[in-house]
Amino acid sequence: MLPAEGFKVGLEALGTFKKRVDAVLSTFEGSPGSPQKIAAHALSEASFSGSGGFAEAKGLHSQYERVHERLTALSKNLGLQIEAMQIAVMGAGGNFSNIDEEERRRFWEITADIGRQQLEAKQERQAAEAAKQGASAPKSNDERTVTY
């Protein structure tokens, strides 16, 4: 097989992969797991406690809100990652020369958003771990710096 033939096969595979990514994104956006549909399923504190409030219901609602917020963020993150993959596959087919400036900007915007979400999730895990150990979690890299 000549190198050009291998490249052609690679482009065909990328085209097939892009169609699959497009289908996954379309299915995801219409599914019950889409960010919009997950965000629409919110329960009030009264759903847990009825007309009279009690501490356990308030605590349960607080945990529900935390989990609901996290699921919404994860769903949004998945959609963003699929969209970024879609742009990357489209660009890889033409050595990124066939992607216009708006698509490039969107790709880097998505990358930055995903990075921000990962950092926030890491900080949440550190705070939860520190709370288990009875200490406060560092809020930034600067607070972890040790001076000798």
N, C-alpha and C. Protein backbone atom coordinates (compact mmCIF):
# COMPACT_ATOMS: atom_id res chain seq x y z
N MET A 1 0.85 -1.17 0.00
CA MET A 1 0.00 0.00 0.00
C MET A 1 0.89 1.23 0.00
N LEU A 2 0.60 2.14 -0.88
CA LEU A 2 1.34 3.40 -0.95
C LEU A 2 0.90 4.33 0.19
N PRO A 3 1.80 5.22 0.63
CA PRO A 3 1.44 6.13 1.72
C PRO A 3 0.17 6.93 1.46
N ALA A 4 -0.03 7.37 0.23
CA ALA A 4 -1.23 8.15 -0.08
C ALA A 4 -2.50 7.32 0.09
N GLU A 5 -2.40 6.01 -0.25
CA GLU A 5 -3.56 5.14 -0.08
C GLU A 5 -3.89 4.97 1.39
N GLY A 6 -2.86 4.86 2.21
CA GLY A 6 -3.07 4.75 3.65
C GLY A 6 -3.73 6.00 4.21
N PHE A 7 -3.33 7.14 3.68
CA PHE A 7 -3.92 8.40 4.12
C PHE A 7 -5.40 8.45 3.74
N LYS A 8 -5.70 7.97 2.52
CA LYS A 8 -7.09 7.97 2.06
C LYS A 8 -7.94 7.08 2.96
N VAL A 9 -7.42 5.90 3.30
CA VAL A 9 -8.13 4.99 4.20
C VAL A 9 -8.32 5.67 5.56
N GLY A 10 -7.29 6.37 6.03
CA GLY A 10 -7.38 7.09 7.30
C GLY A 10 -8.45 8.16 7.27
N LEU A 11 -8.55 8.88 6.15
CA LEU A 11 -9.58 9.91 6.01
C LEU A 11 -10.97 9.29 5.99
N GLU A 12 -11.10 8.16 5.32
CA GLU A 12 -12.40 7.48 5.29
C GLU A 12 -12.78 7.03 6.70
N ALA A 13 -11.81 6.52 7.45
CA ALA A 13 -12.08 6.10 8.83
C ALA A 13 -12.47 7.30 9.69
N LEU A 14 -11.79 8.43 9.48
CA LEU A 14 -12.16 9.65 10.22
C LEU A 14 -13.57 10.10 9.86
N GLY A 15 -13.92 10.00 8.61
CA GLY A 15 -15.27 10.37 8.17
C GLY A 15 -16.32 9.50 8.83
N THR A 16 -16.05 8.20 8.87
CA THR A 16 -16.96 7.27 9.54
C THR A 16 -17.06 7.58 11.02
N PHE A 17 -15.92 7.85 11.63
CA PHE A 17 -15.89 8.17 13.06
C PHE A 17 -16.66 9.47 13.33
N LYS A 18 -16.48 10.46 12.47
CA LYS A 18 -17.19 11.73 12.63
C LYS A 18 -18.69 11.52 12.57
N LYS A 19 -19.16 10.68 11.66
CA LYS A 19 -20.59 10.39 11.57
C LYS A 19 -21.08 9.75 12.86
N ARG A 20 -20.28 8.88 13.44
CA ARG A 20 -20.66 8.24 14.71
C ARG A 20 -20.72 9.26 15.84
N VAL A 21 -19.72 10.14 15.89
CA VAL A 21 -19.70 11.19 16.93
C VAL A 21 -20.91 12.10 16.76
N ASP A 22 -21.23 12.49 15.52
CA ASP A 22 -22.40 13.33 15.27
C ASP A 22 -23.67 12.64 15.75
N ALA A 23 -23.78 11.33 15.48
CA ALA A 23 -24.96 10.58 15.90
C ALA A 23 -25.04 10.50 17.42
N VAL A 24 -23.91 10.28 18.08
CA VAL A 24 -23.89 10.22 19.54
C VAL A 24 -24.32 11.56 20.13
N LEU A 25 -23.80 12.65 19.60
CA LEU A 25 -24.16 13.98 20.10
C LEU A 25 -25.65 14.24 19.90
N SER A 26 -26.17 13.90 18.74
CA SER A 26 -27.59 14.10 18.47
C SER A 26 -28.45 13.27 19.42
N THR A 27 -28.07 12.02 19.62
CA THR A 27 -28.81 11.15 20.54
C THR A 27 -28.74 11.68 21.96
N PHE A 28 -27.55 12.10 22.36
CA PHE A 28 -27.36 12.62 23.72
C PHE A 28 -28.21 13.85 23.97
N GLU A 29 -28.22 14.78 23.02
CA GLU A 29 -28.98 16.02 23.19
C GLU A 29 -30.48 15.77 23.29
N GLY A 30 -30.97 14.68 22.72
CA GLY A 30 -32.39 14.35 22.79
C GLY A 30 -32.74 13.38 23.90
N SER A 31 -31.76 12.93 24.64
CA SER A 31 -31.99 11.91 25.66
C SER A 31 -32.38 12.51 27.01
N PRO A 32 -32.90 11.67 27.91
CA PRO A 32 -33.20 12.13 29.27
C PRO A 32 -31.95 12.57 30.03
N GLY A 33 -30.77 12.22 29.54
CA GLY A 33 -29.52 12.60 30.21
C GLY A 33 -28.95 13.93 29.74
N SER A 34 -29.66 14.62 28.84
CA SER A 34 -29.15 15.91 28.36
C SER A 34 -29.15 16.93 29.50
N PRO A 35 -28.23 17.90 29.45
CA PRO A 35 -28.17 18.89 30.54
C PRO A 35 -29.50 19.61 30.78
N GLN A 36 -30.22 19.92 29.71
CA GLN A 36 -31.49 20.64 29.86
C GLN A 36 -32.52 19.78 30.59
N LYS A 37 -32.60 18.51 30.25
CA LYS A 37 -33.60 17.64 30.88
C LYS A 37 -33.24 17.30 32.32
N ILE A 38 -31.95 17.13 32.59
CA ILE A 38 -31.54 16.88 33.98
C ILE A 38 -31.81 18.11 34.83
N ALA A 39 -31.48 19.29 34.31
CA ALA A 39 -31.69 20.53 35.07
C ALA A 39 -33.17 20.77 35.35
N ALA A 40 -34.04 20.29 34.48
CA ALA A 40 -35.48 20.50 34.65
C ALA A 40 -36.07 19.66 35.79
N HIS A 41 -35.37 18.62 36.22
CA HIS A 41 -35.88 17.73 37.27
C HIS A 41 -35.35 18.14 38.63
N ALA A 42 -35.77 19.27 39.12
CA ALA A 42 -35.33 19.73 40.44
C ALA A 42 -36.48 19.57 41.43
N LEU A 43 -36.16 19.19 42.65
CA LEU A 43 -37.15 19.04 43.72
C LEU A 43 -36.93 20.12 44.76
N SER A 44 -38.01 20.62 45.31
CA SER A 44 -37.90 21.63 46.36
C SER A 44 -37.69 20.95 47.71
N GLU A 45 -37.30 21.73 48.70
CA GLU A 45 -37.11 21.19 50.05
C GLU A 45 -38.43 20.64 50.59
N ALA A 46 -39.54 21.28 50.24
CA ALA A 46 -40.86 20.82 50.69
C ALA A 46 -41.18 19.42 50.16
N SER A 47 -40.58 19.02 49.06
CA SER A 47 -40.78 17.66 48.53
C SER A 47 -40.28 16.61 49.50
N PHE A 48 -39.31 16.98 50.33
CA PHE A 48 -38.73 16.04 51.28
C PHE A 48 -39.39 16.14 52.66
N SER A 49 -39.86 17.33 53.03
CA SER A 49 -40.34 17.52 54.41
C SER A 49 -41.84 17.76 54.50
N GLY A 50 -42.51 17.94 53.39
CA GLY A 50 -43.93 18.25 53.45
C GLY A 50 -44.14 19.66 53.96
N SER A 51 -45.26 19.88 54.65
CA SER A 51 -45.56 21.23 55.12
C SER A 51 -44.76 21.61 56.36
N GLY A 52 -44.32 20.64 57.14
CA GLY A 52 -43.52 20.92 58.33
C GLY A 52 -42.07 20.56 58.08
N GLY A 53 -41.17 21.47 58.41
CA GLY A 53 -39.75 21.21 58.18
C GLY A 53 -39.12 20.44 59.32
N PHE A 54 -38.17 19.60 59.01
CA PHE A 54 -37.36 18.95 60.03
C PHE A 54 -35.94 18.77 59.50
N ALA A 55 -34.99 18.71 60.41
CA ALA A 55 -33.57 18.77 60.06
C ALA A 55 -33.15 17.69 59.07
N GLU A 56 -33.66 16.47 59.25
CA GLU A 56 -33.24 15.38 58.36
C GLU A 56 -33.67 15.66 56.92
N ALA A 57 -34.87 16.20 56.75
CA ALA A 57 -35.34 16.53 55.40
C ALA A 57 -34.49 17.63 54.80
N LYS A 58 -34.12 18.60 55.61
CA LYS A 58 -33.28 19.70 55.13
C LYS A 58 -31.92 19.15 54.69
N GLY A 59 -31.33 18.25 55.48
CA GLY A 59 -30.05 17.64 55.13
C GLY A 59 -30.15 16.80 53.87
N LEU A 60 -31.24 16.04 53.75
CA LEU A 60 -31.45 15.21 52.57
C LEU A 60 -31.60 16.09 51.33
N HIS A 61 -32.35 17.17 51.45
CA HIS A 61 -32.52 18.08 50.32
C HIS A 61 -31.19 18.71 49.94
N SER A 62 -30.39 19.06 50.91
CA SER A 62 -29.08 19.65 50.65
C SER A 62 -28.21 18.68 49.84
N GLN A 63 -28.22 17.41 50.23
CA GLN A 63 -27.45 16.40 49.50
C GLN A 63 -28.02 16.17 48.11
N TYR A 64 -29.36 16.17 48.02
CA TYR A 64 -30.01 16.02 46.72
C TYR A 64 -29.57 17.15 45.78
N GLU A 65 -29.59 18.39 46.28
CA GLU A 65 -29.18 19.54 45.47
C GLU A 65 -27.74 19.40 45.00
N ARG A 66 -26.87 18.94 45.90
CA ARG A 66 -25.46 18.77 45.56
C ARG A 66 -25.31 17.72 44.45
N VAL A 67 -25.99 16.59 44.59
CA VAL A 67 -25.90 15.52 43.59
C VAL A 67 -26.53 15.98 42.27
N HIS A 68 -27.67 16.64 42.35
CA HIS A 68 -28.35 17.13 41.14
C HIS A 68 -27.46 18.11 40.38
N GLU A 69 -26.83 19.01 41.12
CA GLU A 69 -25.93 19.99 40.50
C GLU A 69 -24.75 19.28 39.83
N ARG A 70 -24.22 18.27 40.49
CA ARG A 70 -23.08 17.53 39.94
C ARG A 70 -23.48 16.75 38.68
N LEU A 71 -24.66 16.11 38.72
CA LEU A 71 -25.13 15.37 37.55
C LEU A 71 -25.35 16.31 36.37
N THR A 72 -25.91 17.48 36.63
CA THR A 72 -26.11 18.46 35.57
C THR A 72 -24.77 18.87 34.97
N ALA A 73 -23.79 19.11 35.84
CA ALA A 73 -22.45 19.51 35.36
C ALA A 73 -21.80 18.38 34.56
N LEU A 74 -21.94 17.14 35.03
CA LEU A 74 -21.36 16.00 34.31
C LEU A 74 -22.01 15.83 32.94
N SER A 75 -23.32 15.99 32.89
CA SER A 75 -24.02 15.87 31.63
C SER A 75 -23.56 16.96 30.65
N LYS A 76 -23.43 18.18 31.14
CA LYS A 76 -22.95 19.28 30.30
C LYS A 76 -21.52 19.00 29.83
N ASN A 77 -20.69 18.49 30.73
CA ASN A 77 -19.30 18.18 30.41
C ASN A 77 -19.23 17.13 29.31
N LEU A 78 -20.06 16.10 29.41
CA LEU A 78 -20.08 15.06 28.39
C LEU A 78 -20.45 15.65 27.03
N GLY A 79 -21.46 16.48 27.00
CA GLY A 79 -21.85 17.13 25.75
C GLY A 79 -20.73 17.98 25.17
N LEU A 80 -20.02 18.71 26.04
CA LEU A 80 -18.90 19.53 25.58
C LEU A 80 -17.78 18.67 25.02
N GLN A 81 -17.49 17.55 25.69
CA GLN A 81 -16.42 16.68 25.21
C GLN A 81 -16.77 16.07 23.86
N ILE A 82 -18.03 15.70 23.69
CA ILE A 82 -18.45 15.15 22.40
C ILE A 82 -18.35 16.22 21.31
N GLU A 83 -18.76 17.45 21.64
CA GLU A 83 -18.66 18.55 20.67
C GLU A 83 -17.20 18.82 20.31
N ALA A 84 -16.31 18.83 21.30
CA ALA A 84 -14.89 19.05 21.03
C ALA A 84 -14.33 17.93 20.15
N MET A 85 -14.75 16.70 20.42
CA MET A 85 -14.28 15.57 19.61
C MET A 85 -14.77 15.72 18.18
N GLN A 86 -15.99 16.19 18.03
CA GLN A 86 -16.55 16.42 16.70
C GLN A 86 -15.70 17.43 15.92
N ILE A 87 -15.33 18.52 16.56
CA ILE A 87 -14.50 19.55 15.90
C ILE A 87 -13.11 18.98 15.59
N ALA A 88 -12.54 18.24 16.54
CA ALA A 88 -11.20 17.68 16.34
C ALA A 88 -11.18 16.69 15.18
N VAL A 89 -12.19 15.85 15.09
CA VAL A 89 -12.25 14.87 14.00
C VAL A 89 -12.40 15.59 12.66
N MET A 90 -13.23 16.62 12.64
CA MET A 90 -13.41 17.39 11.41
C MET A 90 -12.08 18.05 11.01
N GLY A 91 -11.36 18.57 11.97
CA GLY A 91 -10.09 19.23 11.68
C GLY A 91 -9.00 18.26 11.28
N ALA A 92 -8.99 17.09 11.89
CA ALA A 92 -7.95 16.11 11.59
C ALA A 92 -8.04 15.62 10.15
N GLY A 93 -9.22 15.65 9.58
CA GLY A 93 -9.39 15.22 8.20
C GLY A 93 -8.70 16.14 7.21
N GLY A 94 -8.47 17.39 7.57
CA GLY A 94 -7.84 18.34 6.66
C GLY A 94 -6.66 19.04 7.28
N ASN A 95 -6.01 18.38 8.22
CA ASN A 95 -4.85 18.96 8.91
C ASN A 95 -5.22 20.32 9.53
N PHE A 96 -6.45 20.42 10.01
CA PHE A 96 -6.99 21.60 10.69
C PHE A 96 -7.06 22.84 9.80
N SER A 97 -6.74 22.70 8.53
CA SER A 97 -6.84 23.86 7.63
C SER A 97 -8.28 24.10 7.19
N ASN A 98 -9.13 23.09 7.33
CA ASN A 98 -10.52 23.24 6.90
C ASN A 98 -11.45 23.71 8.02
N ILE A 99 -10.90 24.09 9.17
CA ILE A 99 -11.72 24.57 10.28
C ILE A 99 -11.65 26.09 10.31
N ASP A 100 -12.80 26.72 10.34
CA ASP A 100 -12.79 28.19 10.36
C ASP A 100 -12.46 28.70 11.76
N GLU A 101 -12.22 29.98 11.85
CA GLU A 101 -11.77 30.60 13.11
C GLU A 101 -12.79 30.42 14.23
N GLU A 102 -14.07 30.47 13.91
CA GLU A 102 -15.12 30.30 14.92
C GLU A 102 -15.07 28.90 15.55
N GLU A 103 -14.86 27.88 14.71
CA GLU A 103 -14.76 26.51 15.22
C GLU A 103 -13.51 26.34 16.08
N ARG A 104 -12.41 26.93 15.67
CA ARG A 104 -11.19 26.87 16.48
C ARG A 104 -11.41 27.54 17.83
N ARG A 105 -12.04 28.71 17.81
CA ARG A 105 -12.32 29.43 19.05
C ARG A 105 -13.22 28.59 19.96
N ARG A 106 -14.25 27.97 19.36
CA ARG A 106 -15.17 27.13 20.14
C ARG A 106 -14.43 25.94 20.74
N PHE A 107 -13.53 25.33 19.98
CA PHE A 107 -12.76 24.19 20.48
C PHE A 107 -11.96 24.59 21.72
N TRP A 108 -11.25 25.72 21.65
CA TRP A 108 -10.44 26.16 22.78
C TRP A 108 -11.30 26.63 23.95
N GLU A 109 -12.47 27.18 23.65
CA GLU A 109 -13.41 27.57 24.70
C GLU A 109 -13.88 26.33 25.46
N ILE A 110 -14.22 25.28 24.71
CA ILE A 110 -14.65 24.03 25.33
C ILE A 110 -13.52 23.45 26.17
N THR A 111 -12.32 23.42 25.63
CA THR A 111 -11.16 22.88 26.35
C THR A 111 -10.95 23.62 27.66
N ALA A 112 -11.05 24.94 27.63
CA ALA A 112 -10.88 25.74 28.85
C ALA A 112 -11.99 25.45 29.85
N ASP A 113 -13.22 25.32 29.36
CA ASP A 113 -14.36 25.05 30.25
C ASP A 113 -14.21 23.69 30.92
N ILE A 114 -13.81 22.69 30.15
CA ILE A 114 -13.61 21.35 30.72
C ILE A 114 -12.48 21.38 31.75
N GLY A 115 -11.40 22.08 31.45
CA GLY A 115 -10.30 22.22 32.40
C GLY A 115 -10.75 22.88 33.70
N ARG A 116 -11.58 23.90 33.57
CA ARG A 116 -12.11 24.60 34.75
C ARG A 116 -12.98 23.65 35.59
N GLN A 117 -13.82 22.87 34.91
CA GLN A 117 -14.68 21.93 35.61
C GLN A 117 -13.85 20.86 36.33
N GLN A 118 -12.79 20.40 35.69
CA GLN A 118 -11.92 19.41 36.32
C GLN A 118 -11.25 19.98 37.56
N LEU A 119 -10.80 21.22 37.49
CA LEU A 119 -10.18 21.87 38.63
C LEU A 119 -11.17 22.02 39.78
N GLU A 120 -12.40 22.45 39.47
CA GLU A 120 -13.42 22.60 40.50
C GLU A 120 -13.74 21.26 41.15
N ALA A 121 -13.85 20.20 40.35
CA ALA A 121 -14.13 18.87 40.90
C ALA A 121 -12.99 18.41 41.80
N LYS A 122 -11.76 18.68 41.39
CA LYS A 122 -10.61 18.31 42.21
C LYS A 122 -10.64 19.05 43.54
N GLN A 123 -10.95 20.34 43.50
CA GLN A 123 -11.02 21.13 44.72
C GLN A 123 -12.13 20.64 45.64
N GLU A 124 -13.27 20.23 45.05
CA GLU A 124 -14.37 19.68 45.85
C GLU A 124 -13.93 18.39 46.54
N ARG A 125 -13.23 17.53 45.80
CA ARG A 125 -12.75 16.27 46.40
C ARG A 125 -11.77 16.55 47.53
N GLN A 126 -10.87 17.51 47.31
CA GLN A 126 -9.90 17.86 48.35
C GLN A 126 -10.60 18.42 49.58
N ALA A 127 -11.61 19.26 49.38
CA ALA A 127 -12.35 19.83 50.50
C ALA A 127 -13.10 18.74 51.26
N ALA A 128 -13.70 17.80 50.54
CA ALA A 128 -14.41 16.70 51.19
C ALA A 128 -13.45 15.82 51.98
N GLU A 129 -12.30 15.53 51.40
CA GLU A 129 -11.29 14.72 52.09
C GLU A 129 -10.78 15.44 53.32
N ALA A 130 -10.53 16.73 53.20
CA ALA A 130 -10.05 17.52 54.34
C ALA A 130 -11.10 17.57 55.44
N ALA A 131 -12.38 17.67 55.04
CA ALA A 131 -13.45 17.69 56.03
C ALA A 131 -13.52 16.37 56.80
N LYS A 132 -13.28 15.27 56.10
CA LYS A 132 -13.26 13.96 56.76
C LYS A 132 -12.13 13.89 57.78
N GLN A 133 -11.02 14.54 57.46
CA GLN A 133 -9.85 14.50 58.34
C GLN A 133 -9.86 15.64 59.35
N GLY A 134 -10.88 16.51 59.28
CA GLY A 134 -11.00 17.59 60.24
C GLY A 134 -10.11 18.78 59.98
N ALA A 135 -9.64 18.95 58.76
CA ALA A 135 -8.78 20.09 58.41
C ALA A 135 -9.45 20.86 57.29
N SER A 136 -8.95 22.03 56.99
CA SER A 136 -9.49 22.78 55.84
C SER A 136 -8.63 22.48 54.62
N ALA A 137 -9.29 22.37 53.49
CA ALA A 137 -8.59 22.05 52.24
C ALA A 137 -7.91 23.30 51.69
N PRO A 138 -6.77 23.13 51.05
CA PRO A 138 -6.13 24.28 50.41
C PRO A 138 -7.02 24.79 49.28
N LYS A 139 -7.09 26.09 49.10
CA LYS A 139 -7.94 26.69 48.08
C LYS A 139 -7.19 26.95 46.78
N SER A 140 -5.89 26.99 46.86
CA SER A 140 -5.12 27.23 45.64
C SER A 140 -3.74 26.62 45.80
N ASN A 141 -2.99 26.62 44.71
CA ASN A 141 -1.63 26.11 44.77
C ASN A 141 -0.77 26.94 45.71
N ASP A 142 -1.03 28.25 45.79
CA ASP A 142 -0.24 29.13 46.65
C ASP A 142 -0.32 28.71 48.11
N GLU A 143 -1.49 28.22 48.53
CA GLU A 143 -1.66 27.84 49.93
C GLU A 143 -0.93 26.53 50.25
N ARG A 144 -0.54 25.80 49.22
CA ARG A 144 0.18 24.55 49.45
C ARG A 144 1.68 24.76 49.44
N THR A 145 2.11 25.95 49.18
CA THR A 145 3.53 26.26 49.13
C THR A 145 4.09 26.28 50.55
N VAL A 146 5.17 25.59 50.74
CA VAL A 146 5.81 25.54 52.05
C VAL A 146 7.08 26.38 51.99
N THR A 147 7.25 27.25 52.98
CA THR A 147 8.45 28.08 53.06
C THR A 147 9.38 27.47 54.08
N TYR A 148 10.65 27.30 53.73
CA TYR A 148 11.63 26.71 54.64
C TYR A 148 12.54 27.75 55.19
